[in-house]
Amino acid sequence: MAKKVVASLQKGGGKEHTKVIKMVKSDKTGAYSFKEEIVHNNKVKEWLSNN
């Protein structure tokens, strides 16, 4: 699945975007989940600090 996303992004203006994945721990259960999003290269650090 990830290969398809990356390949489709490289066709247009996608080289300015990055797929970001962050692991988040739940307060209630203690289980980990993953948040995924495609963000602009300039906003990667901002996204990681906010989410």
PDB file of N, CA and C in Angstrom:
ATOM      1  N   MET A   1       0.824  -1.191   0.000  1.00  0.00           N
ATOM      2  CA  MET A   1       0.000   0.000   0.000  1.00  0.00           C
ATOM      3  C   MET A   1       0.865   1.250   0.000  1.00  0.00           C
ATOM      4  N   ALA A   2       1.902   1.264   0.776  1.00  0.00           N
ATOM      5  CA  ALA A   2       2.747   2.458   0.860  1.00  0.00           C
ATOM      6  C   ALA A   2       3.407   2.754  -0.474  1.00  0.00           C
ATOM      7  N   LYS A   3       3.754   1.723  -1.215  1.00  0.00           N
ATOM      8  CA  LYS A   3       4.402   1.946  -2.503  1.00  0.00           C
ATOM      9  C   LYS A   3       3.467   2.661  -3.473  1.00  0.00           C
ATOM     10  N   LYS A   4       2.186   2.320  -3.445  1.00  0.00           N
ATOM     11  CA  LYS A   4       1.219   2.970  -4.326  1.00  0.00           C
ATOM     12  C   LYS A   4       1.069   4.440  -3.981  1.00  0.00           C
ATOM     13  N   VAL A   5       1.059   4.767  -2.696  1.00  0.00           N
ATOM     14  CA  VAL A   5       0.926   6.164  -2.266  1.00  0.00           C
ATOM     15  C   VAL A   5       2.130   6.960  -2.725  1.00  0.00           C
ATOM     16  N   VAL A   6       3.311   6.431  -2.513  1.00  0.00           N
ATOM     17  CA  VAL A   6       4.533   7.130  -2.900  1.00  0.00           C
ATOM     18  C   VAL A   6       4.611   7.293  -4.405  1.00  0.00           C
ATOM     19  N   ALA A   7       4.261   6.268  -5.156  1.00  0.00           N
ATOM     20  CA  ALA A   7       4.319   6.336  -6.617  1.00  0.00           C
ATOM     21  C   ALA A   7       3.340   7.371  -7.154  1.00  0.00           C
ATOM     22  N   SER A   8       2.159   7.442  -6.580  1.00  0.00           N
ATOM     23  CA  SER A   8       1.179   8.406  -7.074  1.00  0.00           C
ATOM     24  C   SER A   8       1.565   9.833  -6.708  1.00  0.00           C
ATOM     25  N   LEU A   9       2.259  10.021  -5.600  1.00  0.00           N
ATOM     26  CA  LEU A   9       2.683  11.363  -5.207  1.00  0.00           C
ATOM     27  C   LEU A   9       3.794  11.898  -6.112  1.00  0.00           C
ATOM     28  N   GLN A  10       4.618  11.019  -6.655  1.00  0.00           N
ATOM     29  CA  GLN A  10       5.749  11.462  -7.451  1.00  0.00           C
ATOM     30  C   GLN A  10       5.335  11.930  -8.846  1.00  0.00           C
ATOM     31  N   LYS A  11       4.131  11.663  -9.272  1.00  0.00           N
ATOM     32  CA  LYS A  11       3.693  12.065 -10.610  1.00  0.00           C
ATOM     33  C   LYS A  11       3.437  13.565 -10.697  1.00  0.00           C
ATOM     34  N   GLY A  12       2.785  14.127  -9.690  1.00  0.00           N
ATOM     35  CA  GLY A  12       2.440  15.551  -9.731  1.00  0.00           C
ATOM     36  C   GLY A  12       3.418  16.363  -8.906  1.00  0.00           C
ATOM     37  N   GLY A  13       2.899  17.212  -8.070  1.00  0.00           N
ATOM     38  CA  GLY A  13       3.720  18.042  -7.202  1.00  0.00           C
ATOM     39  C   GLY A  13       4.008  17.350  -5.890  1.00  0.00           C
ATOM     40  N   GLY A  14       3.994  16.045  -5.893  1.00  0.00           N
ATOM     41  CA  GLY A  14       4.115  15.272  -4.664  1.00  0.00           C
ATOM     42  C   GLY A  14       5.494  15.210  -4.066  1.00  0.00           C
ATOM     43  N   LYS A  15       6.505  15.641  -4.775  1.00  0.00           N
ATOM     44  CA  LYS A  15       7.848  15.593  -4.210  1.00  0.00           C
ATOM     45  C   LYS A  15       8.017  16.614  -3.096  1.00  0.00           C
ATOM     46  N   GLU A  16       7.050  17.497  -2.959  1.00  0.00           N
ATOM     47  CA  GLU A  16       7.084  18.471  -1.883  1.00  0.00           C
ATOM     48  C   GLU A  16       6.347  17.966  -0.644  1.00  0.00           C
ATOM     49  N   HIS A  17       5.843  16.742  -0.693  1.00  0.00           N
ATOM     50  CA  HIS A  17       5.080  16.187   0.410  1.00  0.00           C
ATOM     51  C   HIS A  17       5.752  14.931   0.956  1.00  0.00           C
ATOM     52  N   THR A  18       5.478  14.642   2.235  1.00  0.00           N
ATOM     53  CA  THR A  18       6.058  13.490   2.908  1.00  0.00           C
ATOM     54  C   THR A  18       4.960  12.761   3.667  1.00  0.00           C
ATOM     55  N   LYS A  19       5.005  11.436   3.647  1.00  0.00           N
ATOM     56  CA  LYS A  19       4.076  10.646   4.439  1.00  0.00           C
ATOM     57  C   LYS A  19       4.682  10.496   5.831  1.00  0.00           C
ATOM     58  N   VAL A  20       3.948  10.965   6.847  1.00  0.00           N
ATOM     59  CA  VAL A  20       4.442  10.970   8.214  1.00  0.00           C
ATOM     60  C   VAL A  20       3.638   9.974   9.033  1.00  0.00           C
ATOM     61  N   ILE A  21       4.332   9.165   9.825  1.00  0.00           N
ATOM     62  CA  ILE A  21       3.688   8.179  10.686  1.00  0.00           C
ATOM     63  C   ILE A  21       4.197   8.397  12.107  1.00  0.00           C
ATOM     64  N   LYS A  22       3.265   8.490  13.053  1.00  0.00           N
ATOM     65  CA  LYS A  22       3.643   8.701  14.450  1.00  0.00           C
ATOM     66  C   LYS A  22       2.930   7.688  15.323  1.00  0.00           C
ATOM     67  N   MET A  23       3.665   7.091  16.273  1.00  0.00           N
ATOM     68  CA  MET A  23       3.090   6.127  17.194  1.00  0.00           C
ATOM     69  C   MET A  23       2.574   6.881  18.420  1.00  0.00           C
ATOM     70  N   VAL A  24       1.318   6.615  18.805  1.00  0.00           N
ATOM     71  CA  VAL A  24       0.674   7.315  19.908  1.00  0.00           C
ATOM     72  C   VAL A  24       0.167   6.286  20.915  1.00  0.00           C
ATOM     73  N   LYS A  25       0.445   6.537  22.196  1.00  0.00           N
ATOM     74  CA  LYS A  25       0.002   5.627  23.251  1.00  0.00           C
ATOM     75  C   LYS A  25      -1.321   6.114  23.840  1.00  0.00           C
ATOM     76  N   SER A  26      -2.282   5.210  23.982  1.00  0.00           N
ATOM     77  CA  SER A  26      -3.588   5.534  24.539  1.00  0.00           C
ATOM     78  C   SER A  26      -3.479   5.655  26.056  1.00  0.00           C
ATOM     79  N   ASP A  27      -4.106   6.693  26.619  1.00  0.00           N
ATOM     80  CA  ASP A  27      -4.095   6.883  28.067  1.00  0.00           C
ATOM     81  C   ASP A  27      -4.965   5.852  28.780  1.00  0.00           C
ATOM     82  N   LYS A  28      -6.059   5.454  28.168  1.00  0.00           N
ATOM     83  CA  LYS A  28      -6.997   4.536  28.803  1.00  0.00           C
ATOM     84  C   LYS A  28      -6.479   3.106  28.852  1.00  0.00           C
ATOM     85  N   THR A  29      -6.043   2.591  27.700  1.00  0.00           N
ATOM     86  CA  THR A  29      -5.675   1.176  27.621  1.00  0.00           C
ATOM     87  C   THR A  29      -4.175   0.940  27.641  1.00  0.00           C
ATOM     88  N   GLY A  30      -3.396   1.939  27.310  1.00  0.00           N
ATOM     89  CA  GLY A  30      -1.951   1.764  27.240  1.00  0.00           C
ATOM     90  C   GLY A  30      -1.497   1.159  25.920  1.00  0.00           C
ATOM     91  N   ALA A  31      -2.440   0.914  25.020  1.00  0.00           N
ATOM     92  CA  ALA A  31      -2.108   0.334  23.717  1.00  0.00           C
ATOM     93  C   ALA A  31      -1.600   1.429  22.782  1.00  0.00           C
ATOM     94  N   TYR A  32      -0.792   1.025  21.823  1.00  0.00           N
ATOM     95  CA  TYR A  32      -0.244   1.965  20.850  1.00  0.00           C
ATOM     96  C   TYR A  32      -1.054   1.922  19.561  1.00  0.00           C
ATOM     97  N   SER A  33      -1.202   3.082  18.942  1.00  0.00           N
ATOM     98  CA  SER A  33      -1.832   3.171  17.631  1.00  0.00           C
ATOM     99  C   SER A  33      -0.974   4.089  16.772  1.00  0.00           C
ATOM    100  N   PHE A  34      -1.262   4.111  15.495  1.00  0.00           N
ATOM    101  CA  PHE A  34      -0.464   4.897  14.568  1.00  0.00           C
ATOM    102  C   PHE A  34      -1.318   5.943  13.884  1.00  0.00           C
ATOM    103  N   LYS A  35      -0.786   7.166  13.779  1.00  0.00           N
ATOM    104  CA  LYS A  35      -1.422   8.229  13.021  1.00  0.00           C
ATOM    105  C   LYS A  35      -0.605   8.438  11.759  1.00  0.00           C
ATOM    106  N   GLU A  36      -1.277   8.437  10.616  1.00  0.00           N
ATOM    107  CA  GLU A  36      -0.615   8.635   9.331  1.00  0.00           C
ATOM    108  C   GLU A  36      -1.234   9.817   8.619  1.00  0.00           C
ATOM    109  N   GLU A  37      -0.383  10.594   7.977  1.00  0.00           N
ATOM    110  CA  GLU A  37      -0.886  11.722   7.208  1.00  0.00           C
ATOM    111  C   GLU A  37       0.184  12.134   6.204  1.00  0.00           C
ATOM    112  N   ILE A  38      -0.249  12.738   5.119  1.00  0.00           N
ATOM    113  CA  ILE A  38       0.678  13.270   4.126  1.00  0.00           C
ATOM    114  C   ILE A  38       0.700  14.781   4.302  1.00  0.00           C
ATOM    115  N   VAL A  39       1.886  15.304   4.637  1.00  0.00           N
ATOM    116  CA  VAL A  39       2.028  16.733   4.915  1.00  0.00           C
ATOM    117  C   VAL A  39       3.118  17.332   4.033  1.00  0.00           C
ATOM    118  N   HIS A  40       3.094  18.636   3.921  1.00  0.00           N
ATOM    119  CA  HIS A  40       4.107  19.356   3.148  1.00  0.00           C
ATOM    120  C   HIS A  40       5.449  19.261   3.881  1.00  0.00           C
ATOM    121  N   ASN A  41       6.536  19.211   3.138  1.00  0.00           N
ATOM    122  CA  ASN A  41       7.867  19.060   3.724  1.00  0.00           C
ATOM    123  C   ASN A  41       8.192  20.132   4.761  1.00  0.00           C
ATOM    124  N   ASN A  42       7.678  21.339   4.568  1.00  0.00           N
ATOM    125  CA  ASN A  42       7.969  22.427   5.492  1.00  0.00           C
ATOM    126  C   ASN A  42       7.260  22.265   6.834  1.00  0.00           C
ATOM    127  N   LYS A  43       6.251  21.420   6.900  1.00  0.00           N
ATOM    128  CA  LYS A  43       5.438  21.315   8.111  1.00  0.00           C
ATOM    129  C   LYS A  43       5.586  19.980   8.833  1.00  0.00           C
ATOM    130  N   VAL A  44       6.604  19.194   8.494  1.00  0.00           N
ATOM    131  CA  VAL A  44       6.776  17.874   9.100  1.00  0.00           C
ATOM    132  C   VAL A  44       7.060  18.000  10.597  1.00  0.00           C
ATOM    133  N   LYS A  45       8.008  18.834  10.984  1.00  0.00           N
ATOM    134  CA  LYS A  45       8.346  18.978  12.404  1.00  0.00           C
ATOM    135  C   LYS A  45       7.169  19.522  13.202  1.00  0.00           C
ATOM    136  N   GLU A  46       6.439  20.448  12.612  1.00  0.00           N
ATOM    137  CA  GLU A  46       5.264  21.016  13.274  1.00  0.00           C
ATOM    138  C   GLU A  46       4.208  19.936  13.504  1.00  0.00           C
ATOM    139  N   TRP A  47       3.961  19.092  12.512  1.00  0.00           N
ATOM    140  CA  TRP A  47       2.966  18.024  12.622  1.00  0.00           C
ATOM    141  C   TRP A  47       3.370  17.026  13.702  1.00  0.00           C
ATOM    142  N   LEU A  48       4.644  16.659  13.742  1.00  0.00           N
ATOM    143  CA  LEU A  48       5.105  15.692  14.727  1.00  0.00           C
ATOM    144  C   LEU A  48       4.995  16.243  16.150  1.00  0.00           C
ATOM    145  N   SER A  49       5.215  17.523  16.327  1.00  0.00           N
ATOM    146  CA  SER A  49       5.132  18.097  17.675  1.00  0.00           C
ATOM    147  C   SER A  49       3.691  18.301  18.123  1.00  0.00           C
ATOM    148  N   ASN A  50       2.764  18.545  17.203  1.00  0.00           N
ATOM    149  CA  ASN A  50       1.368  18.797  17.567  1.00  0.00           C
ATOM    150  C   ASN A  50       0.539  17.535  17.711  1.00  0.00           C
ATOM    151  N   ASN A  51       0.817  16.513  16.960  1.00  0.00           N
ATOM    152  CA  ASN A  51      -0.013  15.305  16.964  1.00  0.00           C
ATOM    153  C   ASN A  51       0.571  14.232  17.807  1.00  0.00           C
TER     154      ASN A  51
END
